[in-house]
């Protein structure tokens, strides 16, 4: 049985597990996020390199765990910036909806 969690609750729980100096705010989670995204990409690369793109359940689980690490760093970066994940998510959906309505969702570059 899974328990649902909203962005606000997740962000609050993440704060309880964030142990880094205040002087490292923003930079620590930003660099951590970059590192974890690299780990996700590296695992996906190996699926294509070693298994012709056929992903096993074990590989999928490993990637999902790395995505969890990405989510933690993302939440902490948002917290350090003083922005809620809910505001970020809603703003992103509004931006994407606007792009879809203008027919520029599939374009390249930033077509705000």
N, C-alpha and C. Protein backbone atom coordinates (compact mmCIF):
# COMPACT_ATOMS: atom_id res chain seq x y z
N UNK A 1 0.85 -1.18 0.00
CA UNK A 1 0.00 0.00 0.00
C UNK A 1 0.89 1.24 0.00
N UNK A 2 0.62 2.14 -0.90
CA UNK A 2 1.42 3.37 -0.95
C UNK A 2 0.66 4.51 -0.28
N UNK A 3 1.43 5.40 0.31
CA UNK A 3 0.86 6.55 0.99
C UNK A 3 1.14 7.77 0.11
N UNK A 4 0.10 8.52 -0.21
CA UNK A 4 0.27 9.71 -1.04
C UNK A 4 0.88 10.83 -0.22
N UNK A 5 1.69 11.62 -0.89
CA UNK A 5 2.35 12.74 -0.25
C UNK A 5 2.27 13.93 -1.20
N UNK A 6 1.96 15.10 -0.68
CA UNK A 6 1.94 16.27 -1.54
C UNK A 6 3.29 16.98 -1.49
N UNK A 7 3.47 17.93 -2.39
CA UNK A 7 4.74 18.64 -2.49
C UNK A 7 5.13 19.32 -1.18
N UNK A 8 4.18 19.98 -0.56
CA UNK A 8 4.48 20.72 0.68
C UNK A 8 4.99 19.77 1.77
N UNK A 9 4.31 18.64 1.92
CA UNK A 9 4.72 17.66 2.93
C UNK A 9 6.12 17.12 2.61
N UNK A 10 6.37 16.78 1.35
CA UNK A 10 7.67 16.26 0.96
C UNK A 10 8.77 17.28 1.23
N UNK A 11 8.52 18.53 0.87
CA UNK A 11 9.51 19.57 1.07
C UNK A 11 9.82 19.76 2.56
N UNK A 12 8.82 19.68 3.40
CA UNK A 12 9.02 19.80 4.85
C UNK A 12 9.84 18.63 5.39
N UNK A 13 9.54 17.42 4.94
CA UNK A 13 10.29 16.25 5.40
C UNK A 13 11.74 16.33 4.94
N UNK A 14 11.95 16.81 3.73
CA UNK A 14 13.32 16.95 3.21
C UNK A 14 14.13 17.89 4.09
N UNK A 15 13.52 18.96 4.55
CA UNK A 15 14.24 19.92 5.41
C UNK A 15 14.78 19.24 6.66
N UNK A 16 14.06 18.25 7.16
CA UNK A 16 14.48 17.54 8.37
C UNK A 16 15.72 16.67 8.13
N UNK A 17 16.00 16.37 6.90
CA UNK A 17 17.15 15.51 6.58
C UNK A 17 18.28 16.28 5.90
N UNK A 18 18.16 17.59 5.86
CA UNK A 18 19.18 18.43 5.21
C UNK A 18 20.21 18.87 6.25
N UNK A 19 21.41 18.33 6.14
CA UNK A 19 22.48 18.67 7.08
C UNK A 19 23.67 19.23 6.32
N UNK A 20 23.59 20.52 6.01
CA UNK A 20 24.72 21.21 5.39
C UNK A 20 24.71 22.64 5.90
N UNK A 21 25.86 23.22 5.90
CA UNK A 21 26.04 24.56 6.45
C UNK A 21 25.23 25.59 5.68
N UNK A 22 24.73 26.56 6.40
CA UNK A 22 23.99 27.65 5.77
C UNK A 22 24.78 28.39 4.72
N UNK A 23 26.10 28.40 4.87
CA UNK A 23 26.92 29.09 3.87
C UNK A 23 26.95 28.33 2.54
N UNK A 24 26.49 27.06 2.57
CA UNK A 24 26.44 26.24 1.37
C UNK A 24 25.04 26.21 0.76
N UNK A 25 24.12 26.99 1.34
CA UNK A 25 22.76 27.01 0.79
C UNK A 25 22.80 27.34 -0.68
N UNK A 26 21.89 26.81 -1.40
CA UNK A 26 21.74 26.93 -2.85
C UNK A 26 22.84 26.15 -3.58
N UNK A 27 24.10 26.43 -3.28
CA UNK A 27 25.17 25.76 -4.02
C UNK A 27 25.18 24.26 -3.74
N UNK A 28 25.08 23.85 -2.47
CA UNK A 28 25.15 22.43 -2.14
C UNK A 28 24.04 21.63 -2.84
N UNK A 29 22.77 22.03 -2.73
CA UNK A 29 21.75 21.23 -3.42
C UNK A 29 21.83 21.36 -4.94
N UNK A 30 22.27 22.49 -5.46
CA UNK A 30 22.39 22.63 -6.92
C UNK A 30 23.44 21.67 -7.46
N UNK A 31 24.59 21.61 -6.80
CA UNK A 31 25.64 20.70 -7.26
C UNK A 31 25.25 19.25 -7.02
N UNK A 32 24.57 18.98 -5.91
CA UNK A 32 24.09 17.63 -5.66
C UNK A 32 23.09 17.18 -6.70
N UNK A 33 22.19 18.09 -7.10
CA UNK A 33 21.21 17.78 -8.13
C UNK A 33 21.91 17.45 -9.45
N UNK A 34 22.89 18.25 -9.81
CA UNK A 34 23.63 18.00 -11.05
C UNK A 34 24.30 16.62 -11.01
N UNK A 35 24.88 16.28 -9.88
CA UNK A 35 25.53 14.98 -9.75
C UNK A 35 24.55 13.83 -9.86
N UNK A 36 23.41 13.96 -9.21
CA UNK A 36 22.41 12.89 -9.25
C UNK A 36 21.79 12.75 -10.63
N UNK A 37 21.56 13.85 -11.32
CA UNK A 37 21.04 13.78 -12.69
C UNK A 37 22.06 13.06 -13.57
N UNK A 38 23.33 13.33 -13.34
CA UNK A 38 24.38 12.62 -14.07
C UNK A 38 24.32 11.12 -13.81
N UNK A 39 24.04 10.72 -12.56
CA UNK A 39 23.94 9.30 -12.24
C UNK A 39 22.75 8.66 -12.95
N UNK A 40 21.62 9.38 -13.03
CA UNK A 40 20.46 8.87 -13.77
C UNK A 40 20.84 8.66 -15.23
N UNK A 41 21.46 9.66 -15.82
CA UNK A 41 21.84 9.56 -17.23
C UNK A 41 22.84 8.44 -17.45
N UNK A 42 23.76 8.26 -16.54
CA UNK A 42 24.76 7.20 -16.68
C UNK A 42 24.11 5.82 -16.63
N UNK A 43 23.14 5.63 -15.74
CA UNK A 43 22.45 4.35 -15.67
C UNK A 43 21.66 4.08 -16.95
N UNK A 44 21.03 5.11 -17.50
CA UNK A 44 20.28 4.95 -18.75
C UNK A 44 21.24 4.67 -19.90
N UNK A 45 22.37 5.35 -19.92
CA UNK A 45 23.39 5.10 -20.94
C UNK A 45 23.80 3.65 -20.95
N UNK A 46 24.00 3.08 -19.76
CA UNK A 46 24.44 1.69 -19.66
C UNK A 46 23.37 0.72 -20.14
N UNK A 47 22.10 1.07 -19.97
CA UNK A 47 21.02 0.24 -20.50
C UNK A 47 21.15 0.14 -22.02
N UNK A 48 21.43 1.26 -22.66
CA UNK A 48 21.56 1.27 -24.12
C UNK A 48 22.88 0.66 -24.56
N UNK A 49 23.94 0.95 -23.83
CA UNK A 49 25.25 0.42 -24.20
C UNK A 49 25.33 -1.09 -24.01
N UNK A 50 24.85 -1.57 -22.88
CA UNK A 50 25.04 -2.97 -22.52
C UNK A 50 23.88 -3.88 -22.90
N UNK A 51 22.68 -3.32 -22.99
CA UNK A 51 21.48 -4.15 -23.17
C UNK A 51 20.61 -3.70 -24.34
N UNK A 52 21.18 -2.97 -25.28
CA UNK A 52 20.44 -2.51 -26.47
C UNK A 52 19.14 -1.80 -26.12
N UNK A 53 19.11 -1.13 -24.99
CA UNK A 53 17.94 -0.35 -24.60
C UNK A 53 16.84 -1.15 -23.93
N UNK A 54 17.07 -2.43 -23.67
CA UNK A 54 16.07 -3.27 -23.01
C UNK A 54 16.30 -3.19 -21.50
N UNK A 55 15.42 -2.47 -20.83
CA UNK A 55 15.59 -2.20 -19.40
C UNK A 55 14.99 -3.31 -18.55
N UNK A 56 15.78 -3.77 -17.59
CA UNK A 56 15.28 -4.78 -16.65
C UNK A 56 14.56 -4.09 -15.49
N UNK A 57 13.82 -4.86 -14.73
CA UNK A 57 13.16 -4.31 -13.54
C UNK A 57 14.20 -3.79 -12.55
N UNK A 58 15.32 -4.49 -12.44
CA UNK A 58 16.39 -4.07 -11.53
C UNK A 58 16.98 -2.72 -11.98
N UNK A 59 17.19 -2.56 -13.26
CA UNK A 59 17.71 -1.29 -13.77
C UNK A 59 16.70 -0.17 -13.55
N UNK A 60 15.43 -0.46 -13.81
CA UNK A 60 14.37 0.54 -13.61
C UNK A 60 14.32 0.97 -12.15
N UNK A 61 14.45 0.00 -11.24
CA UNK A 61 14.45 0.30 -9.80
C UNK A 61 15.66 1.17 -9.42
N UNK A 62 16.81 0.87 -9.98
CA UNK A 62 18.01 1.67 -9.70
C UNK A 62 17.87 3.10 -10.19
N UNK A 63 17.29 3.26 -11.37
CA UNK A 63 17.06 4.60 -11.91
C UNK A 63 16.05 5.35 -11.04
N UNK A 64 15.01 4.65 -10.62
CA UNK A 64 13.99 5.28 -9.76
C UNK A 64 14.61 5.76 -8.45
N UNK A 65 15.53 4.99 -7.88
CA UNK A 65 16.21 5.42 -6.65
C UNK A 65 17.04 6.67 -6.88
N UNK A 66 17.72 6.72 -8.02
CA UNK A 66 18.50 7.93 -8.35
C UNK A 66 17.56 9.12 -8.56
N UNK A 67 16.40 8.88 -9.16
CA UNK A 67 15.43 9.97 -9.33
C UNK A 67 14.95 10.48 -7.98
N UNK A 68 14.84 9.58 -7.00
CA UNK A 68 14.49 10.01 -5.64
C UNK A 68 15.55 10.94 -5.07
N UNK A 69 16.83 10.62 -5.32
CA UNK A 69 17.90 11.51 -4.88
C UNK A 69 17.81 12.87 -5.59
N UNK A 70 17.48 12.83 -6.88
CA UNK A 70 17.29 14.08 -7.64
C UNK A 70 16.17 14.91 -7.02
N UNK A 71 15.09 14.24 -6.67
CA UNK A 71 13.94 14.94 -6.09
C UNK A 71 14.31 15.60 -4.76
N UNK A 72 15.09 14.90 -3.94
CA UNK A 72 15.51 15.47 -2.66
C UNK A 72 16.32 16.74 -2.89
N UNK A 73 17.32 16.67 -3.75
CA UNK A 73 18.15 17.85 -4.01
C UNK A 73 17.33 18.97 -4.63
N UNK A 74 16.40 18.63 -5.53
CA UNK A 74 15.53 19.63 -6.14
C UNK A 74 14.69 20.32 -5.07
N UNK A 75 14.12 19.53 -4.16
CA UNK A 75 13.31 20.10 -3.09
C UNK A 75 14.13 21.01 -2.20
N UNK A 76 15.35 20.58 -1.88
CA UNK A 76 16.20 21.41 -1.03
C UNK A 76 16.63 22.69 -1.73
N UNK A 77 16.89 22.61 -3.02
CA UNK A 77 17.25 23.81 -3.77
C UNK A 77 16.08 24.79 -3.75
N UNK A 78 14.88 24.27 -3.97
CA UNK A 78 13.69 25.14 -3.91
C UNK A 78 13.55 25.76 -2.52
N UNK A 79 13.74 24.96 -1.49
CA UNK A 79 13.65 25.46 -0.12
C UNK A 79 14.67 26.57 0.11
N UNK A 80 15.91 26.33 -0.29
CA UNK A 80 16.96 27.34 -0.10
C UNK A 80 16.65 28.63 -0.86
N UNK A 81 15.94 28.50 -1.97
CA UNK A 81 15.56 29.69 -2.75
C UNK A 81 14.28 30.34 -2.21
N UNK A 82 13.64 29.68 -1.24
CA UNK A 82 12.41 30.22 -0.66
C UNK A 82 11.20 30.05 -1.55
N UNK A 83 11.20 28.99 -2.37
CA UNK A 83 10.09 28.75 -3.30
C UNK A 83 9.49 27.38 -3.00
N UNK A 84 8.18 27.29 -3.02
CA UNK A 84 7.54 26.00 -2.77
C UNK A 84 7.51 25.17 -4.06
N UNK A 85 7.58 23.86 -3.88
CA UNK A 85 7.49 22.97 -5.03
C UNK A 85 6.14 23.13 -5.73
N UNK A 86 5.10 23.40 -4.97
CA UNK A 86 3.78 23.60 -5.55
C UNK A 86 3.78 24.79 -6.50
N UNK A 87 4.40 25.88 -6.09
CA UNK A 87 4.48 27.07 -6.95
C UNK A 87 5.28 26.75 -8.22
N UNK A 88 6.39 26.01 -8.05
CA UNK A 88 7.21 25.64 -9.21
C UNK A 88 6.40 24.77 -10.17
N UNK A 89 5.71 23.75 -9.63
CA UNK A 89 4.94 22.84 -10.48
C UNK A 89 3.81 23.57 -11.20
N UNK A 90 3.09 24.41 -10.48
CA UNK A 90 1.98 25.15 -11.11
C UNK A 90 2.49 26.12 -12.18
N UNK A 91 3.60 26.77 -11.91
CA UNK A 91 4.17 27.68 -12.90
C UNK A 91 4.63 26.95 -14.15
N UNK A 92 5.20 25.77 -13.97
CA UNK A 92 5.65 24.99 -15.10
C UNK A 92 4.48 24.51 -15.96
N UNK A 93 3.40 24.06 -15.31
CA UNK A 93 2.21 23.63 -16.05
C UNK A 93 1.61 24.80 -16.81
N UNK A 94 1.57 25.97 -16.19
CA UNK A 94 1.04 27.15 -16.87
C UNK A 94 1.89 27.49 -18.10
N UNK A 95 3.21 27.42 -17.97
CA UNK A 95 4.11 27.70 -19.09
C UNK A 95 3.89 26.69 -20.22
N UNK A 96 3.81 25.41 -19.86
CA UNK A 96 3.63 24.37 -20.88
C UNK A 96 2.26 24.48 -21.55
N UNK A 97 1.23 24.81 -20.78
CA UNK A 97 -0.11 24.99 -21.34
C UNK A 97 -0.12 26.14 -22.34
N UNK A 98 0.56 27.22 -21.98
CA UNK A 98 0.64 28.37 -22.88
C UNK A 98 1.36 27.99 -24.17
N UNK A 99 2.44 27.24 -24.06
CA UNK A 99 3.17 26.80 -25.25
C UNK A 99 2.31 25.90 -26.12
N UNK A 100 1.56 25.00 -25.48
CA UNK A 100 0.68 24.11 -26.24
C UNK A 100 -0.37 24.92 -26.99
N UNK A 101 -0.99 25.88 -26.31
CA UNK A 101 -2.02 26.71 -26.93
C UNK A 101 -1.47 27.50 -28.11
N UNK A 102 -0.21 27.90 -28.03
CA UNK A 102 0.41 28.68 -29.11
C UNK A 102 1.07 27.79 -30.17
N UNK A 103 1.01 26.48 -29.96
CA UNK A 103 1.58 25.56 -30.93
C UNK A 103 3.10 25.52 -30.94
N UNK A 104 3.74 25.86 -29.81
CA UNK A 104 5.20 25.86 -29.76
C UNK A 104 5.72 24.88 -28.72
N UNK A 105 4.89 23.94 -28.30
CA UNK A 105 5.30 22.98 -27.28
C UNK A 105 6.43 22.08 -27.77
N UNK A 106 6.42 21.69 -29.02
CA UNK A 106 7.44 20.79 -29.55
C UNK A 106 8.61 21.49 -30.19
N UNK A 107 8.69 22.79 -30.07
CA UNK A 107 9.76 23.54 -30.72
C UNK A 107 11.08 23.42 -29.97
N UNK A 108 12.11 24.01 -30.53
CA UNK A 108 13.40 24.00 -29.87
C UNK A 108 13.67 25.41 -29.34
N UNK A 109 14.37 25.47 -28.25
CA UNK A 109 14.65 26.77 -27.64
C UNK A 109 13.57 27.18 -26.69
N UNK A 110 13.71 28.35 -26.10
CA UNK A 110 12.78 28.86 -25.11
C UNK A 110 11.77 29.77 -25.80
N UNK A 111 10.59 29.25 -26.01
CA UNK A 111 9.53 30.01 -26.71
C UNK A 111 8.44 30.42 -25.74
N UNK A 112 8.82 31.12 -24.71
CA UNK A 112 7.84 31.52 -23.69
C UNK A 112 6.79 32.38 -24.34
